Amino acid sequence: MKPIGIVKRIDDLGRILLPKNLRDSMHIKTDDPFELFVDENSILLKKYQPSCIFCNSTEDVQKFKDKTICANCIKELHR
């Protein structure tokens, strides 16, 4: 990770504002889901991408009974 020279404070409701130019450059829209990861003294905020429950691929995934499965694994399951 690299610093981008922006320091933000948490507001009274526990929120942090991501600057518009950062949201635009990373194609972040209102209501996009994010995942939070914690490692010792760091918090990582990552745009959420559903992945296949079998192979962890994020390519060509679809929901099936509340599970996410990619097209390749669906083909393998049909064999």
N, C-alpha and C. Protein backbone atom coordinates (compact mmCIF):
# COMPACT_ATOMS: atom_id res chain seq x y z
N MET A 1 0.85 -1.18 0.00
CA MET A 1 0.00 0.00 0.00
C MET A 1 0.89 1.23 0.00
N LYS A 2 0.39 2.27 -0.65
CA LYS A 2 1.15 3.52 -0.68
C LYS A 2 0.29 4.65 -0.13
N PRO A 3 0.89 5.57 0.61
CA PRO A 3 0.13 6.72 1.11
C PRO A 3 -0.21 7.66 -0.03
N ILE A 4 -1.38 8.31 0.09
CA ILE A 4 -1.80 9.25 -0.96
C ILE A 4 -1.82 10.69 -0.46
N GLY A 5 -1.35 10.91 0.76
CA GLY A 5 -1.23 12.27 1.27
C GLY A 5 -2.52 12.89 1.76
N ILE A 6 -3.52 12.06 2.05
CA ILE A 6 -4.80 12.57 2.55
C ILE A 6 -5.01 12.02 3.96
N VAL A 7 -5.30 12.91 4.90
CA VAL A 7 -5.60 12.52 6.28
C VAL A 7 -7.04 12.90 6.55
N LYS A 8 -7.84 11.96 7.03
CA LYS A 8 -9.25 12.21 7.33
C LYS A 8 -9.54 11.88 8.78
N ARG A 9 -10.54 12.52 9.32
CA ARG A 9 -11.00 12.25 10.68
C ARG A 9 -12.34 11.51 10.63
N ILE A 10 -12.60 10.74 11.66
CA ILE A 10 -13.89 10.06 11.80
C ILE A 10 -14.87 11.05 12.40
N ASP A 11 -16.07 11.16 11.82
CA ASP A 11 -17.06 12.10 12.35
C ASP A 11 -17.79 11.50 13.55
N ASP A 12 -18.73 12.26 14.11
CA ASP A 12 -19.45 11.84 15.32
C ASP A 12 -20.24 10.55 15.13
N LEU A 13 -20.57 10.21 13.88
CA LEU A 13 -21.33 8.99 13.61
C LEU A 13 -20.42 7.82 13.19
N GLY A 14 -19.09 8.02 13.28
CA GLY A 14 -18.15 6.96 12.96
C GLY A 14 -17.85 6.83 11.48
N ARG A 15 -18.12 7.85 10.69
CA ARG A 15 -17.93 7.79 9.24
C ARG A 15 -16.63 8.48 8.83
N ILE A 16 -16.09 8.01 7.70
CA ILE A 16 -14.94 8.65 7.07
C ILE A 16 -15.36 8.98 5.64
N LEU A 17 -15.14 10.22 5.22
CA LEU A 17 -15.49 10.64 3.88
C LEU A 17 -14.35 10.33 2.92
N LEU A 18 -14.66 9.61 1.84
CA LEU A 18 -13.67 9.38 0.79
C LEU A 18 -13.81 10.52 -0.22
N PRO A 19 -12.71 11.21 -0.52
CA PRO A 19 -12.79 12.35 -1.44
C PRO A 19 -13.34 11.95 -2.81
N LYS A 20 -14.06 12.85 -3.44
CA LYS A 20 -14.71 12.58 -4.72
C LYS A 20 -13.72 12.15 -5.80
N ASN A 21 -12.57 12.82 -5.87
CA ASN A 21 -11.60 12.44 -6.91
C ASN A 21 -11.08 11.01 -6.70
N LEU A 22 -10.96 10.58 -5.45
CA LEU A 22 -10.56 9.21 -5.16
C LEU A 22 -11.67 8.23 -5.54
N ARG A 23 -12.92 8.57 -5.18
CA ARG A 23 -14.06 7.70 -5.56
C ARG A 23 -14.17 7.60 -7.07
N ASP A 24 -14.02 8.71 -7.76
CA ASP A 24 -14.11 8.71 -9.23
C ASP A 24 -12.99 7.87 -9.84
N SER A 25 -11.77 8.03 -9.36
CA SER A 25 -10.64 7.31 -9.95
C SER A 25 -10.73 5.80 -9.70
N MET A 26 -11.43 5.40 -8.63
CA MET A 26 -11.56 3.98 -8.32
C MET A 26 -12.94 3.43 -8.70
N HIS A 27 -13.72 4.25 -9.43
CA HIS A 27 -15.06 3.85 -9.90
C HIS A 27 -15.95 3.38 -8.75
N ILE A 28 -15.95 4.14 -7.66
CA ILE A 28 -16.77 3.84 -6.49
C ILE A 28 -18.04 4.67 -6.58
N LYS A 29 -19.19 3.98 -6.52
CA LYS A 29 -20.48 4.66 -6.58
C LYS A 29 -21.18 4.57 -5.23
N THR A 30 -22.18 5.41 -5.04
CA THR A 30 -23.00 5.36 -3.83
C THR A 30 -23.60 3.97 -3.70
N ASP A 31 -23.61 3.43 -2.52
CA ASP A 31 -24.16 2.11 -2.19
C ASP A 31 -23.31 0.93 -2.66
N ASP A 32 -22.09 1.17 -3.19
CA ASP A 32 -21.21 0.05 -3.51
C ASP A 32 -20.83 -0.67 -2.20
N PRO A 33 -20.86 -2.00 -2.20
CA PRO A 33 -20.48 -2.73 -0.98
C PRO A 33 -18.96 -2.80 -0.81
N PHE A 34 -18.51 -2.78 0.43
CA PHE A 34 -17.09 -2.87 0.77
C PHE A 34 -16.88 -3.92 1.85
N GLU A 35 -15.68 -4.48 1.87
CA GLU A 35 -15.28 -5.40 2.92
C GLU A 35 -14.24 -4.70 3.79
N LEU A 36 -14.24 -5.02 5.06
CA LEU A 36 -13.23 -4.49 5.99
C LEU A 36 -12.34 -5.64 6.43
N PHE A 37 -11.03 -5.38 6.39
CA PHE A 37 -10.05 -6.35 6.86
C PHE A 37 -9.22 -5.69 7.95
N VAL A 38 -8.86 -6.44 8.98
CA VAL A 38 -8.07 -5.91 10.09
C VAL A 38 -6.80 -6.73 10.22
N ASP A 39 -5.66 -6.02 10.36
CA ASP A 39 -4.37 -6.67 10.55
C ASP A 39 -3.58 -5.83 11.55
N GLU A 40 -3.43 -6.32 12.74
CA GLU A 40 -2.74 -5.60 13.83
C GLU A 40 -3.30 -4.19 13.97
N ASN A 41 -2.56 -3.16 13.55
CA ASN A 41 -3.00 -1.77 13.72
C ASN A 41 -3.54 -1.16 12.43
N SER A 42 -3.86 -1.99 11.44
CA SER A 42 -4.33 -1.46 10.15
C SER A 42 -5.74 -1.93 9.85
N ILE A 43 -6.48 -1.07 9.15
CA ILE A 43 -7.80 -1.42 8.64
C ILE A 43 -7.73 -1.23 7.13
N LEU A 44 -8.11 -2.26 6.39
CA LEU A 44 -8.12 -2.20 4.93
C LEU A 44 -9.56 -2.20 4.46
N LEU A 45 -9.89 -1.26 3.63
CA LEU A 45 -11.22 -1.13 3.05
C LEU A 45 -11.11 -1.53 1.60
N LYS A 46 -11.85 -2.57 1.19
CA LYS A 46 -11.72 -3.10 -0.17
C LYS A 46 -13.10 -3.23 -0.80
N LYS A 47 -13.21 -2.77 -2.04
CA LYS A 47 -14.47 -2.89 -2.76
C LYS A 47 -14.82 -4.38 -2.86
N TYR A 48 -16.05 -4.71 -2.49
CA TYR A 48 -16.47 -6.11 -2.44
C TYR A 48 -16.75 -6.66 -3.83
N GLN A 49 -16.20 -7.82 -4.10
CA GLN A 49 -16.50 -8.55 -5.34
C GLN A 49 -16.85 -9.97 -4.93
N PRO A 50 -18.05 -10.41 -5.27
CA PRO A 50 -18.42 -11.79 -4.94
C PRO A 50 -17.48 -12.76 -5.64
N SER A 51 -17.15 -13.85 -4.96
CA SER A 51 -16.26 -14.85 -5.56
C SER A 51 -16.87 -16.24 -5.41
N CYS A 52 -16.42 -17.12 -6.26
CA CYS A 52 -16.91 -18.50 -6.29
C CYS A 52 -16.57 -19.21 -4.99
N ILE A 53 -17.53 -19.95 -4.45
CA ILE A 53 -17.30 -20.67 -3.19
C ILE A 53 -16.32 -21.83 -3.36
N PHE A 54 -16.10 -22.28 -4.59
CA PHE A 54 -15.22 -23.41 -4.83
C PHE A 54 -13.79 -22.98 -5.18
N CYS A 55 -13.64 -22.01 -6.10
CA CYS A 55 -12.29 -21.67 -6.60
C CYS A 55 -11.88 -20.22 -6.31
N ASN A 56 -12.76 -19.44 -5.72
CA ASN A 56 -12.51 -18.02 -5.38
C ASN A 56 -12.40 -17.10 -6.59
N SER A 57 -12.75 -17.56 -7.77
CA SER A 57 -12.73 -16.70 -8.96
C SER A 57 -13.80 -15.61 -8.82
N THR A 58 -13.49 -14.43 -9.35
CA THR A 58 -14.48 -13.35 -9.37
C THR A 58 -15.03 -13.14 -10.78
N GLU A 59 -14.57 -13.96 -11.72
CA GLU A 59 -15.00 -13.86 -13.11
C GLU A 59 -16.28 -14.65 -13.36
N ASP A 60 -17.25 -14.03 -14.00
CA ASP A 60 -18.47 -14.69 -14.46
C ASP A 60 -19.16 -15.50 -13.35
N VAL A 61 -19.40 -14.83 -12.20
CA VAL A 61 -20.05 -15.51 -11.07
C VAL A 61 -21.55 -15.25 -11.08
N GLN A 62 -22.30 -16.19 -10.53
CA GLN A 62 -23.75 -16.06 -10.40
C GLN A 62 -24.20 -16.66 -9.08
N LYS A 63 -25.35 -16.19 -8.63
CA LYS A 63 -25.92 -16.69 -7.38
C LYS A 63 -26.73 -17.95 -7.63
N PHE A 64 -26.58 -18.93 -6.72
CA PHE A 64 -27.38 -20.14 -6.75
C PHE A 64 -27.68 -20.51 -5.31
N LYS A 65 -28.94 -20.41 -4.90
CA LYS A 65 -29.37 -20.70 -3.53
C LYS A 65 -28.46 -20.03 -2.50
N ASP A 66 -28.33 -18.71 -2.61
CA ASP A 66 -27.53 -17.89 -1.70
C ASP A 66 -26.04 -18.18 -1.72
N LYS A 67 -25.56 -18.90 -2.72
CA LYS A 67 -24.13 -19.17 -2.88
C LYS A 67 -23.69 -18.58 -4.21
N THR A 68 -22.42 -18.21 -4.29
CA THR A 68 -21.88 -17.66 -5.52
C THR A 68 -20.99 -18.71 -6.18
N ILE A 69 -21.25 -18.98 -7.45
CA ILE A 69 -20.52 -20.01 -8.19
C ILE A 69 -20.14 -19.44 -9.56
N CYS A 70 -18.90 -19.72 -10.00
CA CYS A 70 -18.46 -19.23 -11.31
C CYS A 70 -18.90 -20.20 -12.41
N ALA A 71 -18.87 -19.72 -13.64
CA ALA A 71 -19.31 -20.52 -14.80
C ALA A 71 -18.46 -21.78 -14.97
N ASN A 72 -17.15 -21.68 -14.72
CA ASN A 72 -16.29 -22.86 -14.86
C ASN A 72 -16.66 -23.96 -13.87
N CYS A 73 -16.93 -23.60 -12.64
CA CYS A 73 -17.30 -24.60 -11.63
C CYS A 73 -18.67 -25.18 -11.92
N ILE A 74 -19.58 -24.38 -12.46
CA ILE A 74 -20.90 -24.89 -12.84
C ILE A 74 -20.75 -25.96 -13.92
N LYS A 75 -19.85 -25.69 -14.90
CA LYS A 75 -19.60 -26.68 -15.96
C LYS A 75 -19.05 -27.98 -15.36
N GLU A 76 -18.10 -27.85 -14.42
CA GLU A 76 -17.52 -29.04 -13.79
C GLU A 76 -18.56 -29.82 -13.00
N LEU A 77 -19.48 -29.11 -12.36
CA LEU A 77 -20.52 -29.78 -11.59
C LEU A 77 -21.48 -30.57 -12.49
N HIS A 78 -21.64 -30.12 -13.73
CA HIS A 78 -22.54 -30.80 -14.65
C HIS A 78 -21.94 -32.07 -15.24
N ARG A 79 -20.65 -32.28 -15.08
CA ARG A 79 -19.99 -33.47 -15.62
C ARG A 79 -20.35 -34.70 -14.85
